Amino acid sequence: MKILTVSALVLGSAICAAAAIPFSKTAPTSAETGTVQVKVIWEGEKPEALPALAIPADAAKGCCAEGTAMDTTNQQRLIDASGGVANAVLTIAVKDMPVKVPEGRKYHLDQKSCRYEPHVQVVPMGATVEYLNSDSVAHNVHVYAQKNGDQNNSVAAGSKAEQKLEKAELVTIKCDIHSWMSSYIFVTDDPIYGVTKADGSATLEGVPAGKYKVAFWHEHESIGKGRSEEVTVEAGKTTTVEIKVGGKKKKSAR
C-alpha cells in the first residue's frame, strides 16, 4: 500500500482538471484501476464544537415523537475524537471518463425530526434526487440552484418531490418553515467522488492508473476551499491520502 500524507490550511476547489494518463474510452476493468483511501484530519488542538442550534420549542412542535429530544447538533463542522473531519466532498476528474449515473441508483434527501439527512451529499450530474418527508409535519424544500433552477416544493408529511440535477454546481437546500434546517447537494461532472464519513474517511474506487488531483470542498470556513492535492494511482493497489487541516502547512510522503 502506498501512503501519501499532505497537510493544508484549506481544502481544495470543488472541481478541477486532472493530469491523468489517457486510457481507452471503454470502461476500465478492475485490473486497470486502483483505490484512493482518503482521510481528512484536523491537525493540532481540536476546536470546540460549534454552538448547538437555537430551536424555539413552538417552532419545533411536532418534529419529534413525544418524549424524544430534538437533535440540536450544529453539523457545519463535525470533528470526531480522533480529529476526523466529516462531510468533506472529494472529487477526481479523469480524462475521457464521463460522469455517469449508476444504473438503478436512487438519491434521496430525507426530512427526519426536522433535520435534513444527509447534511451533505455528492451526486453525479444527471441524477434525480427525491426529496422525502418522513416527518409527521409539513416541510418545504427550498432549492437554491443557479444552474439547475431554484425550486420551492411544499412536501406534506409522508409525501415527496423530486428534481433532476443536470448541471454541475453546489446546491443549497433550506426549509422556510423550520429555519434551522439546511443541506448541501454537490452535483459533480467528475466520475470519481465521495463524502467523508464521521471519522473523516472516504474510499474512492475504480480510479484508472495515473496521476490525478483530488479536489475538495467543505462548507465551514475553518476547513476551507481553494486547493487540490495530487495523487498517483497504481492498478490493483490502494493509495492512502491523509489531508490535515487546521494546523501549520506540512507535507510529507513515503
Protein backbone atom coordinates (compact mmCIF):
# COMPACT_ATOMS: atom_id res chain seq x y z
CA MET A 1 0.00 0.00 0.00
CA LYS A 2 1.35 3.41 -0.96
CA ILE A 3 0.75 6.19 1.57
CA LEU A 4 0.80 9.90 0.78
CA THR A 5 0.42 12.41 3.59
CA VAL A 6 -0.45 16.02 2.84
CA SER A 7 -1.34 18.98 5.01
CA ALA A 8 -3.40 22.03 4.10
CA LEU A 9 -4.84 25.10 5.74
CA VAL A 10 -7.69 24.83 3.27
CA LEU A 11 -9.50 22.12 1.41
CA GLY A 12 -9.43 22.37 -2.32
CA SER A 13 -11.61 23.60 -5.10
CA ALA A 14 -14.67 21.57 -5.82
CA ILE A 15 -13.96 20.81 -9.46
CA CYS A 16 -10.52 20.55 -11.08
CA ALA A 17 -8.84 19.20 -14.18
CA ALA A 18 -6.72 16.11 -13.53
CA ALA A 19 -3.34 15.31 -15.04
CA ALA A 20 -4.49 11.82 -15.89
CA ILE A 21 -2.92 9.16 -18.04
CA PRO A 22 -5.27 8.63 -21.01
CA PHE A 23 -6.91 5.25 -21.37
CA SER A 24 -9.40 3.52 -23.62
CA LYS A 25 -12.87 5.05 -23.70
CA THR A 26 -14.28 1.64 -22.82
CA ALA A 27 -14.89 1.19 -19.11
CA PRO A 28 -11.65 0.21 -17.34
CA THR A 29 -11.55 -3.21 -15.72
CA SER A 30 -10.77 -3.76 -12.04
CA ALA A 31 -7.28 -4.89 -13.09
CA GLU A 32 -6.69 -1.43 -14.62
CA THR A 33 -7.89 0.60 -11.67
CA GLY A 34 -6.86 1.36 -8.12
CA THR A 35 -8.40 2.79 -4.98
CA VAL A 36 -7.77 6.07 -3.20
CA GLN A 37 -8.41 5.94 0.54
CA VAL A 38 -8.75 9.48 1.87
CA LYS A 39 -8.72 10.66 5.48
CA VAL A 40 -9.33 14.30 6.36
CA ILE A 41 -7.93 15.10 9.81
CA TRP A 42 -7.88 18.22 11.94
CA GLU A 43 -4.25 18.91 12.84
CA GLY A 44 -3.39 20.30 16.24
CA GLU A 45 -5.72 21.04 19.12
CA LYS A 46 -9.28 20.11 18.30
CA PRO A 47 -11.60 23.13 18.31
CA GLU A 48 -14.66 23.21 20.49
CA ALA A 49 -17.86 22.01 18.90
CA LEU A 50 -19.93 24.73 17.29
CA PRO A 51 -22.79 26.05 19.46
CA ALA A 52 -25.95 23.97 19.35
CA LEU A 53 -28.76 25.17 17.14
CA ALA A 54 -31.17 27.54 18.85
CA ILE A 55 -34.54 26.00 18.07
CA PRO A 56 -37.64 27.57 19.66
CA ALA A 57 -39.92 24.99 21.24
CA ASP A 58 -43.00 26.30 19.46
CA ALA A 59 -41.27 26.13 16.06
CA ALA A 60 -40.22 22.52 16.68
CA LYS A 61 -43.70 21.39 17.70
CA GLY A 62 -44.48 18.02 16.11
CA CYS A 63 -40.93 17.48 14.84
CA CYS A 64 -40.17 14.58 17.18
CA ALA A 65 -42.14 11.79 18.76
CA GLU A 66 -43.50 12.64 22.19
CA GLY A 67 -40.82 12.25 24.84
CA THR A 68 -37.99 12.36 22.28
CA ALA A 69 -35.46 15.17 22.49
CA MET A 70 -34.63 17.02 19.30
CA ASP A 71 -31.10 16.82 17.90
CA THR A 72 -29.67 20.33 18.02
CA THR A 73 -26.16 19.42 16.84
CA ASN A 74 -24.64 22.03 14.53
CA GLN A 75 -23.47 19.96 11.54
CA GLN A 76 -21.46 22.70 9.83
CA ARG A 77 -18.20 21.43 11.33
CA LEU A 78 -18.14 17.92 12.76
CA ILE A 79 -14.82 16.57 14.07
CA ASP A 80 -14.65 13.24 15.89
CA ALA A 81 -12.44 12.31 18.87
CA SER A 82 -9.58 11.25 16.57
CA GLY A 83 -9.72 14.51 14.58
CA GLY A 84 -11.60 13.08 11.59
CA VAL A 85 -13.50 15.75 9.65
CA ALA A 86 -16.93 14.73 8.36
CA ASN A 87 -18.79 15.98 5.28
CA ALA A 88 -15.82 16.91 3.09
CA VAL A 89 -16.65 16.39 -0.60
CA LEU A 90 -13.91 14.72 -2.67
CA THR A 91 -13.80 14.54 -6.47
CA ILE A 92 -11.34 13.29 -9.10
CA ALA A 93 -11.53 14.31 -12.76
CA VAL A 94 -10.42 11.61 -15.23
CA LYS A 95 -9.71 12.42 -18.87
CA ASP A 96 -12.10 10.72 -21.33
CA MET A 97 -14.08 9.17 -18.46
CA PRO A 98 -17.52 10.81 -18.37
CA VAL A 99 -19.61 11.00 -15.26
CA LYS A 100 -22.47 8.51 -15.20
CA VAL A 101 -25.47 7.92 -13.00
CA PRO A 102 -25.09 4.33 -11.73
CA GLU A 103 -27.85 2.10 -13.06
CA GLY A 104 -30.60 1.64 -10.51
CA ARG A 105 -29.06 4.09 -8.05
CA LYS A 106 -31.52 6.33 -6.22
CA TYR A 107 -30.60 9.52 -4.43
CA HIS A 108 -32.63 10.85 -1.53
CA LEU A 109 -32.74 13.84 0.75
CA ASP A 110 -34.99 13.00 3.68
CA GLN A 111 -36.53 15.17 6.37
CA LYS A 112 -36.47 13.41 9.72
CA SER A 113 -37.19 15.04 13.07
CA CYS A 114 -36.95 18.39 11.29
CA ARG A 115 -33.38 17.78 10.10
CA TYR A 116 -32.19 17.07 6.57
CA GLU A 117 -30.49 13.70 6.09
CA PRO A 118 -27.84 13.58 4.83
CA HIS A 119 -26.48 17.01 5.64
CA VAL A 120 -24.03 16.83 2.71
CA GLN A 121 -24.08 14.52 -0.29
CA VAL A 122 -22.46 14.37 -3.71
CA VAL A 123 -24.37 13.17 -6.78
CA PRO A 124 -23.35 12.77 -10.42
CA MET A 125 -24.59 15.24 -12.98
CA GLY A 126 -27.88 13.92 -14.39
CA ALA A 127 -29.04 12.31 -11.14
CA THR A 128 -32.60 12.64 -9.92
CA VAL A 129 -32.92 13.41 -6.22
CA GLU A 130 -36.09 12.57 -4.32
CA TYR A 131 -36.96 14.98 -1.53
CA LEU A 132 -38.69 12.83 1.09
CA ASN A 133 -40.62 13.81 4.20
CA SER A 134 -40.56 11.12 6.88
CA ASP A 135 -41.93 13.54 9.48
CA SER A 136 -45.49 13.94 10.67
CA VAL A 137 -45.36 17.68 9.95
CA ALA A 138 -45.22 19.52 6.64
CA HIS A 139 -41.97 20.90 5.24
CA ASN A 140 -40.93 22.83 2.21
CA VAL A 141 -37.77 22.04 0.26
CA HIS A 142 -36.38 25.35 -0.92
CA VAL A 143 -33.72 24.62 -3.54
CA TYR A 144 -31.18 27.34 -4.30
CA ALA A 145 -29.53 26.37 -7.60
CA GLN A 146 -28.26 28.85 -10.16
CA LYS A 147 -27.70 26.33 -12.96
CA ASN A 148 -30.31 23.67 -12.22
CA GLY A 149 -33.04 26.13 -11.31
CA ASP A 150 -34.48 27.19 -7.98
CA GLN A 151 -37.43 25.26 -6.63
CA ASN A 152 -39.65 25.70 -3.61
CA ASN A 153 -41.60 22.50 -3.07
CA SER A 154 -44.21 22.05 -0.38
CA VAL A 155 -43.81 18.48 0.89
CA ALA A 156 -46.61 17.17 3.08
CA ALA A 157 -46.00 14.57 5.77
CA GLY A 158 -45.21 11.21 4.20
CA SER A 159 -45.00 12.59 0.66
CA LYS A 160 -42.14 13.52 -1.65
CA ALA A 161 -40.98 15.73 -4.51
CA GLU A 162 -38.11 15.23 -6.93
CA GLN A 163 -35.70 17.15 -9.13
CA LYS A 164 -33.27 16.16 -11.86
CA LEU A 165 -29.92 17.89 -11.40
CA GLU A 166 -28.35 18.07 -14.85
CA LYS A 167 -25.59 20.64 -14.34
CA ALA A 168 -22.56 20.65 -12.06
CA GLU A 169 -22.84 23.07 -9.15
CA LEU A 170 -23.25 23.33 -5.40
CA VAL A 171 -26.95 23.26 -4.48
CA THR A 172 -28.14 24.65 -1.16
CA ILE A 173 -31.33 23.32 0.42
CA LYS A 174 -33.31 25.08 3.14
CA CYS A 175 -36.71 24.81 4.79
CA ASP A 176 -38.63 28.06 5.13
CA ILE A 177 -40.93 26.55 7.75
CA HIS A 178 -38.09 25.36 10.00
CA SER A 179 -35.29 27.88 9.55
CA TRP A 180 -32.55 25.77 11.18
CA MET A 181 -32.81 23.07 8.50
CA SER A 182 -30.13 23.15 5.80
CA SER A 183 -28.36 20.74 3.48
CA TYR A 184 -25.97 20.73 0.52
CA ILE A 185 -26.05 18.66 -2.64
CA PHE A 186 -22.79 18.80 -4.57
CA VAL A 187 -23.55 18.00 -8.22
CA THR A 188 -20.34 16.88 -9.91
CA ASP A 189 -19.27 16.33 -13.51
CA ASP A 190 -16.31 14.25 -12.31
CA PRO A 191 -16.64 10.44 -12.48
CA ILE A 192 -14.96 9.72 -9.13
CA TYR A 193 -16.45 11.25 -5.99
CA GLY A 194 -17.30 10.74 -2.35
CA VAL A 195 -18.01 12.37 1.01
CA THR A 196 -16.06 11.78 4.21
CA LYS A 197 -17.86 9.86 6.95
CA ALA A 198 -17.99 10.75 10.64
CA ASP A 199 -14.38 9.56 11.10
CA GLY A 200 -13.13 11.72 8.21
CA SER A 201 -12.61 8.81 5.81
CA ALA A 202 -13.80 8.16 2.28
CA THR A 203 -12.98 5.43 -0.24
CA LEU A 204 -12.75 6.36 -3.92
CA GLU A 205 -12.79 3.20 -6.03
CA GLY A 206 -12.42 2.47 -9.73
CA VAL A 207 -9.73 5.08 -10.40
CA PRO A 208 -7.73 4.26 -13.57
CA ALA A 209 -3.96 4.12 -13.07
CA GLY A 210 -2.38 7.55 -13.47
CA LYS A 211 -1.74 10.90 -11.84
CA TYR A 212 -4.70 12.94 -10.65
CA LYS A 213 -5.75 15.80 -8.47
CA VAL A 214 -8.13 15.12 -5.61
CA ALA A 215 -10.34 18.19 -5.23
CA PHE A 216 -12.09 19.14 -2.00
CA TRP A 217 -14.99 21.18 -0.73
CA HIS A 218 -16.23 21.77 2.80
CA GLU A 219 -18.88 24.21 3.95
CA HIS A 220 -17.10 25.61 7.01
CA GLU A 221 -14.58 28.42 6.57
CA SER A 222 -12.13 26.89 9.08
CA ILE A 223 -11.84 23.82 6.84
CA GLY A 224 -11.68 25.93 3.73
CA LYS A 225 -11.73 25.81 -0.04
CA GLY A 226 -9.40 26.58 -2.93
CA ARG A 227 -6.88 23.75 -3.21
CA SER A 228 -6.44 20.27 -4.67
CA GLU A 229 -3.86 17.57 -3.92
CA GLU A 230 -2.02 15.35 -6.38
CA VAL A 231 -2.11 11.58 -6.10
CA THR A 232 -0.62 8.75 -8.16
CA VAL A 233 -2.81 5.68 -8.55
CA GLU A 234 -1.46 2.24 -9.43
CA ALA A 235 -3.63 -0.54 -10.84
CA GLY A 236 -4.67 -3.09 -8.25
CA LYS A 237 -3.32 -1.03 -5.36
CA THR A 238 -4.66 1.32 -2.71
CA THR A 239 -3.11 4.73 -2.19
CA THR A 240 -3.89 6.37 1.14
CA VAL A 241 -4.06 10.16 1.25
CA GLU A 242 -4.14 11.89 4.62
CA ILE A 243 -5.20 15.52 4.46
CA LYS A 244 -4.53 17.61 7.53
CA VAL A 245 -6.42 20.84 8.07
CA GLY A 246 -6.49 23.46 10.78
CA GLY A 247 -2.76 23.48 11.55
CA LYS A 248 0.51 24.57 10.00
CA LYS A 249 1.18 23.55 6.43
CA LYS A 250 3.19 20.35 6.39
CA LYS A 251 3.69 17.85 3.60
CA SER A 252 5.45 14.51 3.60
CA ALA A 253 5.21 11.24 1.70
CA ARG A 254 6.52 7.72 1.94
